[in-house]
Amino acid sequence: MNATYTLLEMKRITRDYMGMFFTAVLPAFFYVIFGSTVDAKETVIGNGNVAMYVMISMAAYGAVTATTSIGGQAATERLQGWGRQLGITPMRDSQYVAAKAAVAMVVAAIPILLVFVLGVWTGARGSIGAWLLSGLLCLGGSAVFALYGILVGTAFRSESATGVASGSVVIFAFLGNVFIPLSGTMLTIGKFTPLYGYVGLARYPLTEGHLADGTWEPLWMPLANVVGWTVVFAMLATWFVKRGRDRQ
């Protein structure tokens, strides 16, 4: 990994104040509104309370927004000629990918830390294991959506790709049981959408499989969702990248 390039990328991304607002501050705002101020925040769920349930959801949403955006930017940069520009430097493709991955993980950690700190101050309760595991799952699982960002970036081949990717994440969040608890037919449909498994897995150390509608699901269900969508995103991203190269 090229340290100089990584630091430059971090400076460039953090100077995008509007982008950082939607990545870090907006999920924290959602947590304050929906998690820390509602009457039901002390209601027990799993080995914690509703406030922590919402906290994990909003942290996961912020992390996914970050990795999706950076993945989309990386794909668009390569398609618009930045790859050829880097090609005349000593930096290898592997270093470019490693730098982007490092930036994505650092930026994804920002909303997680911010929301978790707010959770500590506003009454989110859970076991120590749930706090640690949920934070790690939020961060690690968000890497899957860097693939989604690359997929959209290579499919649209324009600067609008990042907006499309980030906007679609909002839709996935509603369908994936992130913003509001789903039940019945909507929950059945939501279980097959990309964010459902990731957020369900991040919340599992807290909920132990207990859903907001009173039902229970085994660990293999969110795991299967994450693995399945990882394969889909990887295959489609690879195909679009190959198609883009064939056209050049």
Protein backbone atom coordinates (compact mmCIF):
# COMPACT_ATOMS: atom_id res chain seq x y z
CA MET A 1 0.00 0.00 0.00
CA ASN A 2 1.28 3.46 -0.93
CA ALA A 3 1.14 5.56 2.26
CA THR A 4 1.44 8.90 0.47
CA TYR A 5 -1.41 8.17 -1.90
CA THR A 6 -3.55 6.83 0.97
CA LEU A 7 -3.07 10.01 3.00
CA LEU A 8 -3.88 12.17 -0.03
CA GLU A 9 -7.07 10.18 -0.60
CA MET A 10 -8.07 10.60 3.03
CA LYS A 11 -7.55 14.37 2.82
CA ARG A 12 -9.52 14.57 -0.42
CA ILE A 13 -12.48 12.62 0.92
CA THR A 14 -12.61 14.37 4.29
CA ARG A 15 -12.62 17.76 2.52
CA ASP A 16 -15.95 16.77 0.98
CA TYR A 17 -17.95 18.17 3.88
CA MET A 18 -21.35 17.42 2.41
CA GLY A 19 -20.37 13.84 1.70
CA MET A 20 -18.96 13.41 5.20
CA PHE A 21 -22.17 14.85 6.65
CA PHE A 22 -24.31 12.21 4.97
CA THR A 23 -21.79 9.51 5.85
CA ALA A 24 -21.17 10.29 9.52
CA VAL A 25 -23.51 12.95 10.90
CA LEU A 26 -26.78 11.82 9.30
CA PRO A 27 -26.71 8.28 10.80
CA ALA A 28 -25.92 9.83 14.19
CA PHE A 29 -28.87 12.20 13.77
CA PHE A 30 -31.14 9.27 12.88
CA TYR A 31 -29.99 7.45 16.02
CA VAL A 32 -30.75 10.45 18.22
CA ILE A 33 -34.24 10.79 16.72
CA PHE A 34 -35.25 7.14 16.49
CA GLY A 35 -33.15 5.53 19.22
CA SER A 36 -32.28 7.81 22.11
CA THR A 37 -35.45 9.89 22.42
CA VAL A 38 -38.27 7.37 21.91
CA ASP A 39 -40.28 6.12 24.89
CA ALA A 40 -39.47 2.49 24.05
CA LYS A 41 -35.70 2.92 24.17
CA GLU A 42 -35.40 1.03 27.47
CA THR A 43 -37.49 -1.90 26.24
CA VAL A 44 -35.49 -5.11 26.51
CA ILE A 45 -34.49 -6.89 23.31
CA GLY A 46 -32.10 -9.83 23.46
CA ASN A 47 -29.38 -8.95 25.97
CA GLY A 48 -29.77 -5.19 25.63
CA ASN A 49 -32.37 -2.55 24.85
CA VAL A 50 -34.09 -0.91 21.89
CA ALA A 51 -31.73 2.08 21.97
CA MET A 52 -28.78 -0.22 21.25
CA TYR A 53 -30.76 -2.03 18.55
CA VAL A 54 -31.31 1.28 16.73
CA MET A 55 -27.72 2.36 17.43
CA ILE A 56 -26.29 -0.70 15.67
CA SER A 57 -28.68 -0.22 12.74
CA MET A 58 -27.67 3.40 12.20
CA ALA A 59 -23.95 2.65 12.59
CA ALA A 60 -24.24 -0.11 9.98
CA TYR A 61 -26.12 2.19 7.62
CA GLY A 62 -23.42 4.87 7.91
CA ALA A 63 -20.64 2.36 7.31
CA VAL A 64 -22.34 0.99 4.21
CA THR A 65 -22.90 4.48 2.85
CA ALA A 66 -19.16 5.14 3.20
CA THR A 67 -17.90 1.96 1.54
CA THR A 68 -20.47 2.12 -1.26
CA SER A 69 -19.52 5.69 -2.08
CA ILE A 70 -15.78 5.02 -2.09
CA GLY A 71 -16.18 1.87 -4.16
CA GLY A 72 -18.24 3.81 -6.70
CA GLN A 73 -15.69 6.62 -6.83
CA ALA A 74 -12.86 4.15 -7.40
CA ALA A 75 -14.65 2.48 -10.30
CA THR A 76 -15.57 5.80 -11.91
CA GLU A 77 -12.02 7.13 -11.56
CA ARG A 78 -10.59 4.09 -13.33
CA LEU A 79 -13.10 4.28 -16.17
CA GLN A 80 -12.56 8.00 -16.72
CA GLY A 81 -8.81 7.72 -17.23
CA TRP A 82 -7.35 8.01 -13.75
CA GLY A 83 -6.09 4.44 -14.14
CA ARG A 84 -4.00 5.41 -17.17
CA GLN A 85 -2.63 8.39 -15.25
CA LEU A 86 -1.60 6.14 -12.37
CA GLY A 87 -0.14 3.73 -14.90
CA ILE A 88 2.77 6.10 -15.57
CA THR A 89 3.67 6.10 -11.86
CA PRO A 90 5.51 3.34 -9.95
CA MET A 91 2.32 2.48 -8.02
CA ARG A 92 0.91 -0.97 -8.85
CA ASP A 93 -2.78 -1.85 -9.20
CA SER A 94 -2.57 -3.86 -5.98
CA GLN A 95 -1.34 -0.77 -4.12
CA TYR A 96 -4.20 1.30 -5.57
CA VAL A 97 -6.76 -1.26 -4.42
CA ALA A 98 -5.14 -1.53 -0.98
CA ALA A 99 -5.14 2.26 -0.58
CA LYS A 100 -8.82 2.49 -1.51
CA ALA A 101 -9.68 -0.36 0.84
CA ALA A 102 -7.80 1.30 3.71
CA VAL A 103 -9.56 4.62 3.09
CA ALA A 104 -12.93 2.90 2.88
CA MET A 105 -12.43 1.14 6.21
CA VAL A 106 -11.23 4.31 7.96
CA VAL A 107 -14.15 6.36 6.64
CA ALA A 108 -16.60 3.55 7.50
CA ALA A 109 -15.27 3.53 11.07
CA ILE A 110 -16.18 7.21 11.55
CA PRO A 111 -19.99 6.82 11.66
CA ILE A 112 -19.65 3.62 13.71
CA LEU A 113 -17.55 5.35 16.36
CA LEU A 114 -19.72 8.47 16.39
CA VAL A 115 -22.99 6.55 16.75
CA PHE A 116 -21.55 4.19 19.36
CA VAL A 117 -20.23 7.10 21.43
CA LEU A 118 -23.67 8.71 21.30
CA GLY A 119 -25.11 5.37 22.35
CA VAL A 120 -22.94 5.31 25.47
CA TRP A 121 -24.10 8.80 26.41
CA THR A 122 -27.80 8.26 25.71
CA GLY A 123 -28.58 4.96 27.41
CA ALA A 124 -27.90 2.21 24.89
CA ARG A 125 -27.41 -0.96 26.94
CA GLY A 126 -26.02 -4.36 26.06
CA SER A 127 -23.35 -6.85 27.07
CA ILE A 128 -19.69 -5.98 26.50
CA GLY A 129 -19.49 -8.81 23.97
CA ALA A 130 -22.44 -7.37 22.05
CA TRP A 131 -20.82 -3.92 21.92
CA LEU A 132 -17.50 -5.26 20.64
CA LEU A 133 -18.83 -7.87 18.21
CA SER A 134 -21.49 -5.60 16.76
CA GLY A 135 -18.95 -2.85 16.11
CA LEU A 136 -16.57 -5.26 14.39
CA LEU A 137 -19.37 -6.79 12.31
CA CYS A 138 -20.56 -3.32 11.26
CA LEU A 139 -17.06 -2.47 10.06
CA GLY A 140 -16.08 -5.79 8.49
CA GLY A 141 -19.42 -6.46 6.82
CA SER A 142 -19.54 -3.01 5.22
CA ALA A 143 -16.63 -4.05 2.97
CA VAL A 144 -19.11 -6.14 0.95
CA PHE A 145 -20.77 -2.93 -0.20
CA ALA A 146 -17.54 -1.60 -1.64
CA LEU A 147 -18.15 -4.31 -4.24
CA TYR A 148 -21.62 -2.89 -4.79
CA GLY A 149 -20.15 0.57 -5.28
CA ILE A 150 -17.68 -0.81 -7.85
CA LEU A 151 -20.54 -2.62 -9.58
CA VAL A 152 -22.64 0.53 -9.94
CA GLY A 153 -19.62 2.65 -10.87
CA THR A 154 -18.61 0.34 -13.71
CA ALA A 155 -22.21 -0.15 -14.86
CA PHE A 156 -23.06 3.57 -15.16
CA ARG A 157 -19.58 4.80 -16.17
CA SER A 158 -20.30 8.40 -15.11
CA GLU A 159 -20.02 10.73 -12.13
CA SER A 160 -23.69 10.08 -11.36
CA ALA A 161 -22.80 6.51 -10.40
CA THR A 162 -21.86 7.48 -6.85
CA GLY A 163 -25.18 9.21 -6.34
CA VAL A 164 -27.06 6.23 -7.75
CA ALA A 165 -25.17 3.84 -5.49
CA SER A 166 -25.72 5.92 -2.34
CA GLY A 167 -29.37 6.57 -3.19
CA SER A 168 -30.09 2.89 -3.75
CA VAL A 169 -28.58 2.10 -0.34
CA VAL A 170 -31.37 4.18 1.24
CA ILE A 171 -33.95 2.02 -0.54
CA PHE A 172 -32.14 -1.14 0.53
CA ALA A 173 -32.14 0.17 4.11
CA PHE A 174 -35.92 0.57 4.16
CA LEU A 175 -36.42 -2.87 2.62
CA GLY A 176 -33.74 -4.45 4.80
CA ASN A 177 -35.36 -3.80 8.18
CA VAL A 178 -32.85 -1.07 9.03
CA PHE A 179 -34.95 2.08 9.54
CA ILE A 180 -38.29 0.65 10.64
CA PRO A 181 -39.22 -2.83 11.92
CA LEU A 182 -40.93 -4.81 9.17
CA SER A 183 -43.44 -7.60 9.60
CA GLY A 184 -45.55 -9.93 7.51
CA THR A 185 -45.08 -9.88 3.75
CA MET A 186 -42.68 -6.92 3.80
CA LEU A 187 -40.40 -8.74 6.23
CA THR A 188 -40.49 -11.85 4.04
CA ILE A 189 -39.48 -9.77 1.02
CA GLY A 190 -36.91 -7.83 3.02
CA LYS A 191 -35.04 -11.00 3.99
CA PHE A 192 -33.90 -11.34 0.37
CA THR A 193 -32.56 -7.77 0.03
CA PRO A 194 -28.83 -6.88 0.37
CA LEU A 195 -28.82 -4.96 3.65
CA TYR A 196 -31.01 -7.36 5.61
CA GLY A 197 -28.36 -9.98 6.23
CA TYR A 198 -25.57 -7.52 6.98
CA VAL A 199 -27.54 -5.51 9.53
CA GLY A 200 -29.15 -8.63 10.98
CA LEU A 201 -25.70 -10.13 11.46
CA ALA A 202 -24.39 -6.92 13.08
CA ARG A 203 -27.35 -6.93 15.49
CA TYR A 204 -27.13 -10.66 16.24
CA PRO A 205 -24.76 -10.34 19.25
CA LEU A 206 -27.45 -8.13 20.80
CA THR A 207 -30.69 -9.73 19.62
CA GLU A 208 -29.50 -13.36 19.62
CA GLY A 209 -31.85 -13.86 16.67
CA HIS A 210 -34.96 -12.27 18.20
CA LEU A 211 -36.67 -9.94 15.74
CA ALA A 212 -38.73 -6.86 16.56
CA ASP A 213 -41.96 -8.63 15.50
CA GLY A 214 -41.44 -11.29 18.17
CA THR A 215 -40.16 -14.05 15.89
CA TRP A 216 -36.74 -15.70 15.98
CA GLU A 217 -34.34 -16.59 13.19
CA PRO A 218 -31.20 -18.78 13.26
CA LEU A 219 -27.76 -17.32 12.59
CA TRP A 220 -27.43 -19.08 9.25
CA MET A 221 -30.15 -16.90 7.70
CA PRO A 222 -28.34 -13.52 7.85
CA LEU A 223 -25.06 -15.32 7.07
CA ALA A 224 -26.56 -16.90 3.95
CA ASN A 225 -27.88 -13.50 2.86
CA VAL A 226 -24.44 -11.86 3.26
CA VAL A 227 -22.61 -14.67 1.45
CA GLY A 228 -25.16 -14.77 -1.35
CA TRP A 229 -25.07 -11.05 -2.04
CA THR A 230 -21.28 -10.98 -1.78
CA VAL A 231 -21.11 -13.56 -4.58
CA VAL A 232 -23.67 -11.65 -6.67
CA PHE A 233 -21.88 -8.31 -6.25
CA ALA A 234 -18.47 -9.84 -6.97
CA MET A 235 -19.65 -11.64 -10.11
CA LEU A 236 -21.50 -8.62 -11.52
CA ALA A 237 -18.66 -6.21 -10.68
CA THR A 238 -16.18 -8.53 -12.41
CA TRP A 239 -18.41 -8.79 -15.48
CA PHE A 240 -18.90 -5.03 -15.78
CA VAL A 241 -15.17 -4.38 -15.32
CA LYS A 242 -14.38 -6.92 -18.04
CA ARG A 243 -17.01 -5.43 -20.34
CA GLY A 244 -15.54 -1.96 -19.79
CA ARG A 245 -12.06 -3.18 -20.73
CA ASP A 246 -13.36 -4.92 -23.86
CA ARG A 247 -14.88 -1.63 -25.04
CA GLN A 248 -11.64 0.31 -24.63
